[in-house]
Amino acid sequence: MDVLKEGLLKVDPGLLLWTIITFIVLLLILWKAAWRPIIDALDARAEKVRGDIETAEKNRLESEKLISQYKEQMDKAKDEAAKVITEGKSDAERLKNSIMEKAGQESKELVERAKKEIFMAKDKAISELTAEVVTLSTEIAAKVISKNLNPEDQKAFIEEALMKIRTVQ
């Protein structure tokens, strides 16, 4: 407590005045020499941080825009792929139907041609048979005319002619 008695806490008006003057002078010197550069440095740093934040925000927005464009392109690509697949399936279906229709048409034409050939062969056989009947009839008539036949001979000639006709068929 000797320190208290000696005046460490004792206020000396002269010393107080000089301390206040020194503090004010030091404050003015610091204001002119150090305060401005510190404030300017802090302002510059704040501007840099603000600029970095704006740049980051712009980059984020641009990234989101690019991501949305990428998603749109992916969706378009998926749609186009689905469209190509659908078109391919429909083309294949049309080709299948065309081939089936062509095969059906060709088979119909083949059946029609076969029917025509059968009818032509039948007509040819009938005309040959008719010619043979005419020839046989002529021969029979010639034999009948050349001979005077009794009913039994006529019956025998007719049966013989019928047998020839049956063998031709």
Protein backbone atom coordinates (compact mmCIF):
# COMPACT_ATOMS: atom_id res chain seq x y z
CA MET A 1 0.00 0.00 0.00
CA ASP A 2 2.95 2.19 -0.01
CA VAL A 3 2.43 2.63 -3.63
CA LEU A 4 -0.88 4.29 -2.96
CA LYS A 5 0.65 6.66 -0.53
CA GLU A 6 3.46 7.64 -2.78
CA GLY A 7 1.10 8.84 -5.41
CA LEU A 8 0.89 6.29 -8.11
CA LEU A 9 -2.77 6.99 -8.20
CA LYS A 10 -2.27 10.56 -7.36
CA VAL A 11 -3.50 12.86 -10.12
CA ASP A 12 -1.06 15.52 -11.19
CA PRO A 13 -2.80 18.18 -13.31
CA GLY A 14 0.29 18.98 -15.37
CA LEU A 15 1.00 15.37 -16.09
CA LEU A 16 -2.63 14.81 -16.97
CA LEU A 17 -2.57 17.71 -19.38
CA TRP A 18 0.55 16.50 -21.09
CA THR A 19 -0.79 12.97 -21.29
CA ILE A 20 -3.98 14.20 -22.95
CA ILE A 21 -2.00 16.39 -25.37
CA THR A 22 0.33 13.49 -26.20
CA PHE A 23 -2.63 11.17 -26.70
CA ILE A 24 -4.36 13.66 -29.04
CA VAL A 25 -1.14 14.30 -31.00
CA LEU A 26 -0.51 10.57 -31.25
CA LEU A 27 -4.13 10.08 -32.32
CA LEU A 28 -3.75 12.76 -35.03
CA ILE A 29 -0.49 11.24 -36.25
CA LEU A 30 -2.05 7.81 -36.33
CA TRP A 31 -5.15 9.26 -38.02
CA LYS A 32 -3.02 10.81 -40.78
CA ALA A 33 -0.33 8.15 -41.08
CA ALA A 34 -1.89 4.81 -40.17
CA TRP A 35 -5.67 5.14 -39.87
CA ARG A 36 -6.26 6.08 -43.53
CA PRO A 37 -4.11 3.22 -44.95
CA ILE A 38 -5.76 0.76 -42.58
CA ILE A 39 -9.24 1.98 -43.53
CA ASP A 40 -8.30 1.97 -47.22
CA ALA A 41 -6.87 -1.54 -46.90
CA LEU A 42 -10.02 -2.73 -45.13
CA ASP A 43 -12.21 -1.03 -47.78
CA ALA A 44 -10.13 -2.61 -50.53
CA ARG A 45 -10.42 -5.99 -48.85
CA ALA A 46 -14.18 -5.52 -48.44
CA GLU A 47 -14.46 -4.60 -52.15
CA LYS A 48 -12.37 -7.64 -53.10
CA VAL A 49 -14.55 -9.90 -50.96
CA ARG A 50 -17.70 -8.31 -52.43
CA GLY A 51 -16.30 -8.79 -55.96
CA ASP A 52 -15.37 -12.40 -55.17
CA ILE A 53 -18.88 -13.03 -53.86
CA GLU A 54 -20.42 -11.49 -56.98
CA THR A 55 -18.11 -13.52 -59.20
CA ALA A 56 -18.97 -16.67 -57.27
CA GLU A 57 -22.68 -15.88 -57.61
CA LYS A 58 -22.28 -15.27 -61.35
CA ASN A 59 -20.35 -18.53 -61.68
CA ARG A 60 -23.02 -20.38 -59.69
CA LEU A 61 -25.79 -18.96 -61.91
CA GLU A 62 -23.83 -19.80 -65.04
CA SER A 63 -23.20 -23.32 -63.72
CA GLU A 64 -26.89 -23.77 -63.00
CA LYS A 65 -27.69 -22.50 -66.50
CA LEU A 66 -25.19 -24.93 -68.03
CA ILE A 67 -26.59 -27.77 -65.95
CA SER A 68 -30.14 -26.97 -67.09
CA GLN A 69 -28.94 -26.78 -70.72
CA TYR A 70 -27.17 -30.11 -70.29
CA LYS A 71 -30.33 -31.65 -68.83
CA GLU A 72 -32.38 -30.26 -71.74
CA GLN A 73 -29.88 -31.69 -74.22
CA MET A 74 -29.99 -35.05 -72.46
CA ASP A 75 -33.80 -35.00 -72.52
CA LYS A 76 -33.77 -34.08 -76.21
CA ALA A 77 -31.26 -36.85 -76.91
CA LYS A 78 -33.44 -39.35 -75.03
CA ASP A 79 -36.52 -38.16 -76.94
CA GLU A 80 -34.70 -38.40 -80.26
CA ALA A 81 -33.42 -41.87 -79.38
CA ALA A 82 -36.93 -42.97 -78.45
CA LYS A 83 -38.23 -41.43 -81.68
CA VAL A 84 -35.57 -43.23 -83.75
CA ILE A 85 -36.42 -46.50 -82.02
CA THR A 86 -40.12 -45.96 -82.63
CA GLU A 87 -39.52 -45.07 -86.28
CA GLY A 88 -37.28 -48.13 -86.66
CA LYS A 89 -39.96 -50.36 -85.21
CA SER A 90 -42.64 -48.85 -87.46
CA ASP A 91 -40.36 -49.15 -90.51
CA ALA A 92 -39.66 -52.77 -89.63
CA GLU A 93 -43.38 -53.40 -89.19
CA ARG A 94 -44.14 -51.77 -92.55
CA LEU A 95 -41.38 -53.79 -94.21
CA LYS A 96 -42.72 -56.98 -92.64
CA ASN A 97 -46.25 -56.16 -93.80
CA SER A 98 -44.98 -55.31 -97.28
CA ILE A 99 -43.06 -58.58 -97.51
CA MET A 100 -46.06 -60.53 -96.21
CA GLU A 101 -48.37 -58.77 -98.67
CA LYS A 102 -45.96 -59.39 -101.55
CA ALA A 103 -45.60 -63.05 -100.57
CA GLY A 104 -49.38 -63.39 -100.31
CA GLN A 105 -49.81 -61.74 -103.71
CA GLU A 106 -47.18 -64.01 -105.26
CA SER A 107 -48.81 -67.10 -103.76
CA LYS A 108 -52.21 -65.97 -105.08
CA GLU A 109 -50.68 -65.43 -108.51
CA LEU A 110 -49.04 -68.86 -108.34
CA VAL A 111 -52.36 -70.49 -107.34
CA GLU A 112 -54.18 -68.63 -110.14
CA ARG A 113 -51.55 -69.71 -112.65
CA ALA A 114 -51.80 -73.31 -111.46
CA LYS A 115 -55.62 -73.15 -111.73
CA LYS A 116 -55.34 -71.76 -115.25
CA GLU A 117 -52.90 -74.51 -116.21
CA ILE A 118 -55.24 -77.12 -114.71
CA PHE A 119 -58.23 -75.65 -116.57
CA MET A 120 -56.18 -75.51 -119.77
CA ALA A 121 -55.10 -79.14 -119.32
CA LYS A 122 -58.71 -80.09 -118.58
CA ASP A 123 -59.95 -78.21 -121.66
CA LYS A 124 -57.23 -79.83 -123.74
CA ALA A 125 -58.17 -83.28 -122.43
CA ILE A 126 -61.84 -82.60 -123.10
CA SER A 127 -61.09 -81.39 -126.62
CA GLU A 128 -58.88 -84.45 -127.25
CA LEU A 129 -61.61 -86.66 -125.84
CA THR A 130 -64.16 -84.92 -128.04
CA ALA A 131 -61.92 -85.41 -131.05
CA GLU A 132 -61.52 -89.07 -130.16
CA VAL A 133 -65.30 -89.45 -129.75
CA VAL A 134 -65.84 -87.79 -133.11
CA THR A 135 -63.29 -90.09 -134.69
CA LEU A 136 -64.85 -93.14 -133.07
CA SER A 137 -68.32 -92.00 -134.01
CA THR A 138 -67.16 -91.52 -137.55
CA GLU A 139 -65.61 -94.97 -137.62
CA ILE A 140 -68.76 -96.48 -136.18
CA ALA A 141 -70.90 -94.64 -138.66
CA ALA A 142 -68.63 -95.81 -141.47
CA LYS A 143 -68.85 -99.40 -140.28
CA VAL A 144 -72.61 -99.13 -139.84
CA ILE A 145 -72.99 -97.71 -143.31
CA SER A 146 -70.64 -100.23 -144.83
CA LYS A 147 -72.55 -103.13 -143.35
CA ASN A 148 -76.07 -103.67 -142.79
CA LEU A 149 -76.01 -104.62 -139.24
CA ASN A 150 -78.49 -106.50 -137.30
CA PRO A 151 -79.37 -105.30 -133.80
CA GLU A 152 -76.82 -107.56 -132.13
CA ASP A 153 -73.97 -106.24 -134.27
CA GLN A 154 -75.05 -102.69 -133.61
CA LYS A 155 -75.07 -103.39 -129.90
CA ALA A 156 -71.57 -104.90 -130.11
CA PHE A 157 -70.23 -101.88 -132.06
CA ILE A 158 -71.73 -99.45 -129.54
CA GLU A 159 -70.25 -101.37 -126.62
CA GLU A 160 -66.88 -101.47 -128.35
CA ALA A 161 -67.02 -97.70 -128.90
CA LEU A 162 -67.97 -97.10 -125.29
CA MET A 163 -65.04 -99.27 -124.15
CA LYS A 164 -62.66 -97.19 -126.23
CA ILE A 165 -64.06 -94.00 -124.77
CA ARG A 166 -63.65 -95.37 -121.22
CA THR A 167 -60.04 -96.38 -121.87
CA VAL A 168 -59.26 -92.88 -123.18
CA GLN A 169 -60.66 -91.24 -120.05
